[in-house]
Amino acid sequence: MADEELAALLQRYYSGEGGLWPTIRERVAAELRRRGIEGARHIRFRRRDDEYEVIIEDASGYEPE
């Protein structure tokens, strides 16, 4: 689950505030580095009541169109 700070950023982002995505991505990337997780990742968020679930999937085979 997203911590309070990330959840607040996500709330602002999904409410339409622009320019937050780089900050959100960096917060998630910093947490992954802290946990020793390397490599390309696909990041998604799912709202759960008043919280956000952070869904991180391996994206090593992902090819952008």
PDB file of N, CA and C in Angstrom:
ATOM      1  N   MET A   1       0.840  -1.173   0.000  1.00  0.00           N
ATOM      2  CA  MET A   1       0.000   0.000   0.000  1.00  0.00           C
ATOM      3  C   MET A   1       0.893   1.246   0.000  1.00  0.00           C
ATOM      4  N   ALA A   2       0.392   2.292  -0.620  1.00  0.00           N
ATOM      5  CA  ALA A   2       1.129   3.555  -0.667  1.00  0.00           C
ATOM      6  C   ALA A   2       1.182   4.167   0.732  1.00  0.00           C
ATOM      7  N   ASP A   3       2.334   4.759   1.069  1.00  0.00           N
ATOM      8  CA  ASP A   3       2.411   5.467   2.346  1.00  0.00           C
ATOM      9  C   ASP A   3       1.605   6.764   2.246  1.00  0.00           C
ATOM     10  N   GLU A   4       1.494   7.490   3.346  1.00  0.00           N
ATOM     11  CA  GLU A   4       0.653   8.695   3.374  1.00  0.00           C
ATOM     12  C   GLU A   4       1.090   9.732   2.350  1.00  0.00           C
ATOM     13  N   GLU A   5       2.398   9.950   2.243  1.00  0.00           N
ATOM     14  CA  GLU A   5       2.905  10.972   1.326  1.00  0.00           C
ATOM     15  C   GLU A   5       2.612  10.609  -0.132  1.00  0.00           C
ATOM     16  N   LEU A   6       2.862   9.356  -0.496  1.00  0.00           N
ATOM     17  CA  LEU A   6       2.577   8.917  -1.862  1.00  0.00           C
ATOM     18  C   LEU A   6       1.076   8.954  -2.133  1.00  0.00           C
ATOM     19  N   ALA A   7       0.275   8.525  -1.170  1.00  0.00           N
ATOM     20  CA  ALA A   7      -1.180   8.554  -1.336  1.00  0.00           C
ATOM     21  C   ALA A   7      -1.681   9.986  -1.563  1.00  0.00           C
ATOM     22  N   ALA A   8      -1.105  10.943  -0.851  1.00  0.00           N
ATOM     23  CA  ALA A   8      -1.501  12.344  -1.034  1.00  0.00           C
ATOM     24  C   ALA A   8      -1.129  12.831  -2.431  1.00  0.00           C
ATOM     25  N   LEU A   9       0.061  12.453  -2.907  1.00  0.00           N
ATOM     26  CA  LEU A   9       0.468  12.817  -4.271  1.00  0.00           C
ATOM     27  C   LEU A   9      -0.480  12.207  -5.298  1.00  0.00           C
ATOM     28  N   LEU A  10      -0.826  10.932  -5.104  1.00  0.00           N
ATOM     29  CA  LEU A  10      -1.728  10.253  -6.034  1.00  0.00           C
ATOM     30  C   LEU A  10      -3.107  10.902  -6.040  1.00  0.00           C
ATOM     31  N   GLN A  11      -3.594  11.267  -4.875  1.00  0.00           N
ATOM     32  CA  GLN A  11      -4.896  11.934  -4.786  1.00  0.00           C
ATOM     33  C   GLN A  11      -4.879  13.226  -5.594  1.00  0.00           C
ATOM     34  N   ARG A  12      -3.818  14.012  -5.436  1.00  0.00           N
ATOM     35  CA  ARG A  12      -3.696  15.264  -6.183  1.00  0.00           C
ATOM     36  C   ARG A  12      -3.589  14.994  -7.678  1.00  0.00           C
ATOM     37  N   TYR A  13      -2.798  13.973  -8.045  1.00  0.00           N
ATOM     38  CA  TYR A  13      -2.607  13.614  -9.455  1.00  0.00           C
ATOM     39  C   TYR A  13      -3.936  13.222 -10.106  1.00  0.00           C
ATOM     40  N   TYR A  14      -4.666  12.329  -9.443  1.00  0.00           N
ATOM     41  CA  TYR A  14      -5.932  11.854 -10.010  1.00  0.00           C
ATOM     42  C   TYR A  14      -7.040  12.896  -9.925  1.00  0.00           C
ATOM     43  N   SER A  15      -6.824  13.950  -9.141  1.00  0.00           N
ATOM     44  CA  SER A  15      -7.780  15.058  -9.098  1.00  0.00           C
ATOM     45  C   SER A  15      -7.512  16.077 -10.198  1.00  0.00           C
ATOM     46  N   GLY A  16      -6.453  15.819 -10.982  1.00  0.00           N
ATOM     47  CA  GLY A  16      -6.186  16.671 -12.133  1.00  0.00           C
ATOM     48  C   GLY A  16      -5.002  17.615 -12.014  1.00  0.00           C
ATOM     49  N   GLU A  17      -4.276  17.551 -10.910  1.00  0.00           N
ATOM     50  CA  GLU A  17      -3.122  18.438 -10.758  1.00  0.00           C
ATOM     51  C   GLU A  17      -1.980  17.925 -11.646  1.00  0.00           C
ATOM     52  N   GLY A  18      -1.508  18.782 -12.503  1.00  0.00           N
ATOM     53  CA  GLY A  18      -0.473  18.394 -13.461  1.00  0.00           C
ATOM     54  C   GLY A  18       0.924  18.422 -12.884  1.00  0.00           C
ATOM     55  N   GLY A  19       1.833  17.765 -13.580  1.00  0.00           N
ATOM     56  CA  GLY A  19       3.249  17.813 -13.256  1.00  0.00           C
ATOM     57  C   GLY A  19       3.693  16.934 -12.103  1.00  0.00           C
ATOM     58  N   LEU A  20       2.825  16.074 -11.590  1.00  0.00           N
ATOM     59  CA  LEU A  20       3.180  15.259 -10.435  1.00  0.00           C
ATOM     60  C   LEU A  20       3.750  13.889 -10.788  1.00  0.00           C
ATOM     61  N   TRP A  21       3.533  13.423 -12.010  1.00  0.00           N
ATOM     62  CA  TRP A  21       3.943  12.064 -12.358  1.00  0.00           C
ATOM     63  C   TRP A  21       5.431  11.812 -12.149  1.00  0.00           C
ATOM     64  N   PRO A  22       6.347  12.722 -12.532  1.00  0.00           N
ATOM     65  CA  PRO A  22       7.769  12.462 -12.277  1.00  0.00           C
ATOM     66  C   PRO A  22       8.080  12.284 -10.782  1.00  0.00           C
ATOM     67  N   THR A  23       7.432  13.047  -9.935  1.00  0.00           N
ATOM     68  CA  THR A  23       7.643  12.920  -8.491  1.00  0.00           C
ATOM     69  C   THR A  23       7.112  11.587  -7.985  1.00  0.00           C
ATOM     70  N   ILE A  24       5.953  11.192  -8.470  1.00  0.00           N
ATOM     71  CA  ILE A  24       5.363   9.905  -8.076  1.00  0.00           C
ATOM     72  C   ILE A  24       6.273   8.763  -8.514  1.00  0.00           C
ATOM     73  N   ARG A  25       6.716   8.807  -9.757  1.00  0.00           N
ATOM     74  CA  ARG A  25       7.616   7.758 -10.262  1.00  0.00           C
ATOM     75  C   ARG A  25       8.893   7.669  -9.455  1.00  0.00           C
ATOM     76  N   GLU A  26       9.470   8.813  -9.116  1.00  0.00           N
ATOM     77  CA  GLU A  26      10.716   8.816  -8.354  1.00  0.00           C
ATOM     78  C   GLU A  26      10.515   8.253  -6.952  1.00  0.00           C
ATOM     79  N   ARG A  27       9.384   8.557  -6.327  1.00  0.00           N
ATOM     80  CA  ARG A  27       9.119   8.001  -4.987  1.00  0.00           C
ATOM     81  C   ARG A  27       9.034   6.477  -5.036  1.00  0.00           C
ATOM     82  N   VAL A  28       8.359   5.947  -6.059  1.00  0.00           N
ATOM     83  CA  VAL A  28       8.248   4.497  -6.190  1.00  0.00           C
ATOM     84  C   VAL A  28       9.624   3.903  -6.521  1.00  0.00           C
ATOM     85  N   ALA A  29      10.369   4.535  -7.427  1.00  0.00           N
ATOM     86  CA  ALA A  29      11.702   4.039  -7.793  1.00  0.00           C
ATOM     87  C   ALA A  29      12.641   4.036  -6.587  1.00  0.00           C
ATOM     88  N   ALA A  30      12.568   5.069  -5.748  1.00  0.00           N
ATOM     89  CA  ALA A  30      13.407   5.132  -4.552  1.00  0.00           C
ATOM     90  C   ALA A  30      13.080   3.985  -3.600  1.00  0.00           C
ATOM     91  N   GLU A  31      11.801   3.673  -3.467  1.00  0.00           N
ATOM     92  CA  GLU A  31      11.401   2.555  -2.604  1.00  0.00           C
ATOM     93  C   GLU A  31      11.900   1.227  -3.179  1.00  0.00           C
ATOM     94  N   LEU A  32      11.814   1.070  -4.488  1.00  0.00           N
ATOM     95  CA  LEU A  32      12.316  -0.160  -5.104  1.00  0.00           C
ATOM     96  C   LEU A  32      13.826  -0.286  -4.893  1.00  0.00           C
ATOM     97  N   ARG A  33      14.559   0.816  -5.069  1.00  0.00           N
ATOM     98  CA  ARG A  33      16.014   0.792  -4.825  1.00  0.00           C
ATOM     99  C   ARG A  33      16.301   0.435  -3.374  1.00  0.00           C
ATOM    100  N   ARG A  34      15.539   1.015  -2.454  1.00  0.00           N
ATOM    101  CA  ARG A  34      15.724   0.729  -1.028  1.00  0.00           C
ATOM    102  C   ARG A  34      15.554  -0.767  -0.748  1.00  0.00           C
ATOM    103  N   ARG A  35      14.658  -1.395  -1.491  1.00  0.00           N
ATOM    104  CA  ARG A  35      14.404  -2.831  -1.320  1.00  0.00           C
ATOM    105  C   ARG A  35      15.336  -3.699  -2.155  1.00  0.00           C
ATOM    106  N   GLY A  36      16.230  -3.066  -2.933  1.00  0.00           N
ATOM    107  CA  GLY A  36      17.180  -3.815  -3.750  1.00  0.00           C
ATOM    108  C   GLY A  36      16.581  -4.393  -5.015  1.00  0.00           C
ATOM    109  N   ILE A  37      15.498  -3.812  -5.505  1.00  0.00           N
ATOM    110  CA  ILE A  37      14.826  -4.291  -6.712  1.00  0.00           C
ATOM    111  C   ILE A  37      15.300  -3.451  -7.886  1.00  0.00           C
ATOM    112  N   GLU A  38      15.903  -4.112  -8.861  1.00  0.00           N
ATOM    113  CA  GLU A  38      16.461  -3.430 -10.025  1.00  0.00           C
ATOM    114  C   GLU A  38      15.666  -3.794 -11.280  1.00  0.00           C
ATOM    115  N   GLY A  39      15.897  -3.050 -12.355  1.00  0.00           N
ATOM    116  CA  GLY A  39      15.319  -3.377 -13.651  1.00  0.00           C
ATOM    117  C   GLY A  39      14.062  -2.598 -13.962  1.00  0.00           C
ATOM    118  N   ALA A  40      13.602  -2.782 -15.193  1.00  0.00           N
ATOM    119  CA  ALA A  40      12.423  -2.062 -15.682  1.00  0.00           C
ATOM    120  C   ALA A  40      11.168  -2.562 -14.970  1.00  0.00           C
ATOM    121  N   ARG A  41      10.322  -1.635 -14.595  1.00  0.00           N
ATOM    122  CA  ARG A  41       9.079  -1.963 -13.890  1.00  0.00           C
ATOM    123  C   ARG A  41       7.919  -1.189 -14.485  1.00  0.00           C
ATOM    124  N   HIS A  42       6.782  -1.846 -14.504  1.00  0.00           N
ATOM    125  CA  HIS A  42       5.526  -1.207 -14.901  1.00  0.00           C
ATOM    126  C   HIS A  42       4.791  -0.904 -13.597  1.00  0.00           C
ATOM    127  N   ILE A  43       4.424   0.354 -13.404  1.00  0.00           N
ATOM    128  CA  ILE A  43       3.811   0.790 -12.147  1.00  0.00           C
ATOM    129  C   ILE A  43       2.341   1.137 -12.399  1.00  0.00           C
ATOM    130  N   ARG A  44       1.476   0.587 -11.561  1.00  0.00           N
ATOM    131  CA  ARG A  44       0.052   0.921 -11.607  1.00  0.00           C
ATOM    132  C   ARG A  44      -0.412   1.184 -10.184  1.00  0.00           C
ATOM    133  N   PHE A  45      -1.517   1.888 -10.080  1.00  0.00           N
ATOM    134  CA  PHE A  45      -2.099   2.174  -8.769  1.00  0.00           C
ATOM    135  C   PHE A  45      -3.577   1.836  -8.812  1.00  0.00           C
ATOM    136  N   ARG A  46      -4.059   1.257  -7.730  1.00  0.00           N
ATOM    137  CA  ARG A  46      -5.485   0.917  -7.625  1.00  0.00           C
ATOM    138  C   ARG A  46      -6.015   1.527  -6.330  1.00  0.00           C
ATOM    139  N   ARG A  47      -7.079   2.283  -6.465  1.00  0.00           N
ATOM    140  CA  ARG A  47      -7.670   2.913  -5.282  1.00  0.00           C
ATOM    141  C   ARG A  47      -8.442   1.871  -4.485  1.00  0.00           C
ATOM    142  N   ARG A  48      -8.200   1.864  -3.193  1.00  0.00           N
ATOM    143  CA  ARG A  48      -8.878   0.974  -2.251  1.00  0.00           C
ATOM    144  C   ARG A  48      -9.409   1.831  -1.111  1.00  0.00           C
ATOM    145  N   ASP A  49     -10.681   2.184  -1.163  1.00  0.00           N
ATOM    146  CA  ASP A  49     -11.297   3.084  -0.176  1.00  0.00           C
ATOM    147  C   ASP A  49     -10.480   4.378  -0.109  1.00  0.00           C
ATOM    148  N   ASP A  50      -9.833   4.640   1.012  1.00  0.00           N
ATOM    149  CA  ASP A  50      -9.056   5.870   1.167  1.00  0.00           C
ATOM    150  C   ASP A  50      -7.566   5.650   0.944  1.00  0.00           C
ATOM    151  N   GLU A  51      -7.182   4.492   0.413  1.00  0.00           N
ATOM    152  CA  GLU A  51      -5.777   4.158   0.203  1.00  0.00           C
ATOM    153  C   GLU A  51      -5.526   3.833  -1.265  1.00  0.00           C
ATOM    154  N   TYR A  52      -4.258   3.720  -1.611  1.00  0.00           N
ATOM    155  CA  TYR A  52      -3.874   3.302  -2.956  1.00  0.00           C
ATOM    156  C   TYR A  52      -2.973   2.090  -2.857  1.00  0.00           C
ATOM    157  N   GLU A  53      -3.311   1.071  -3.611  1.00  0.00           N
ATOM    158  CA  GLU A  53      -2.471  -0.104  -3.732  1.00  0.00           C
ATOM    159  C   GLU A  53      -1.466   0.171  -4.846  1.00  0.00           C
ATOM    160  N   VAL A  54      -0.205  -0.114  -4.585  1.00  0.00           N
ATOM    161  CA  VAL A  54       0.851   0.064  -5.573  1.00  0.00           C
ATOM    162  C   VAL A  54       1.108  -1.303  -6.202  1.00  0.00           C
ATOM    163  N   ILE A  55       0.935  -1.386  -7.526  1.00  0.00           N
ATOM    164  CA  ILE A  55       1.115  -2.639  -8.250  1.00  0.00           C
ATOM    165  C   ILE A  55       2.339  -2.475  -9.142  1.00  0.00           C
ATOM    166  N   ILE A  56       3.339  -3.301  -8.897  1.00  0.00           N
ATOM    167  CA  ILE A  56       4.603  -3.199  -9.630  1.00  0.00           C
ATOM    168  C   ILE A  56       4.852  -4.535 -10.319  1.00  0.00           C
ATOM    169  N   GLU A  57       5.003  -4.465 -11.642  1.00  0.00           N
ATOM    170  CA  GLU A  57       5.227  -5.669 -12.435  1.00  0.00           C
ATOM    171  C   GLU A  57       6.522  -5.536 -13.216  1.00  0.00           C
ATOM    172  N   ASP A  58       7.170  -6.647 -13.448  1.00  0.00           N
ATOM    173  CA  ASP A  58       8.382  -6.668 -14.270  1.00  0.00           C
ATOM    174  C   ASP A  58       8.022  -6.225 -15.683  1.00  0.00           C
ATOM    175  N   ALA A  59       8.809  -5.323 -16.247  1.00  0.00           N
ATOM    176  CA  ALA A  59       8.545  -4.825 -17.593  1.00  0.00           C
ATOM    177  C   ALA A  59       9.718  -5.080 -18.516  1.00  0.00           C
ATOM    178  N   SER A  60      10.541  -6.080 -18.182  1.00  0.00           N
ATOM    179  CA  SER A  60      11.738  -6.327 -18.984  1.00  0.00           C
ATOM    180  C   SER A  60      11.408  -6.704 -20.422  1.00  0.00           C
ATOM    181  N   GLY A  61      10.259  -7.304 -20.680  1.00  0.00           N
ATOM    182  CA  GLY A  61       9.880  -7.668 -22.050  1.00  0.00           C
ATOM    183  C   GLY A  61       8.981  -6.670 -22.727  1.00  0.00           C
ATOM    184  N   TYR A  62       8.715  -5.562 -22.074  1.00  0.00           N
ATOM    185  CA  TYR A  62       7.799  -4.558 -22.596  1.00  0.00           C
ATOM    186  C   TYR A  62       8.443  -3.783 -23.738  1.00  0.00           C
ATOM    187  N   GLU A  63       7.729  -3.644 -24.840  1.00  0.00           N
ATOM    188  CA  GLU A  63       8.189  -2.884 -25.997  1.00  0.00           C
ATOM    189  C   GLU A  63       7.211  -1.747 -26.247  1.00  0.00           C
ATOM    190  N   PRO A  64       7.626  -0.485 -26.045  1.00  0.00           N
ATOM    191  CA  PRO A  64       6.716   0.616 -26.318  1.00  0.00           C
ATOM    192  C   PRO A  64       6.384   0.692 -27.803  1.00  0.00           C
ATOM    193  N   GLU A  65       5.149   1.106 -28.097  1.00  0.00           N
ATOM    194  CA  GLU A  65       4.714   1.206 -29.493  1.00  0.00           C
ATOM    195  C   GLU A  65       5.104   2.519 -30.085  1.00  0.00           C
TER     196      GLU A  65
END
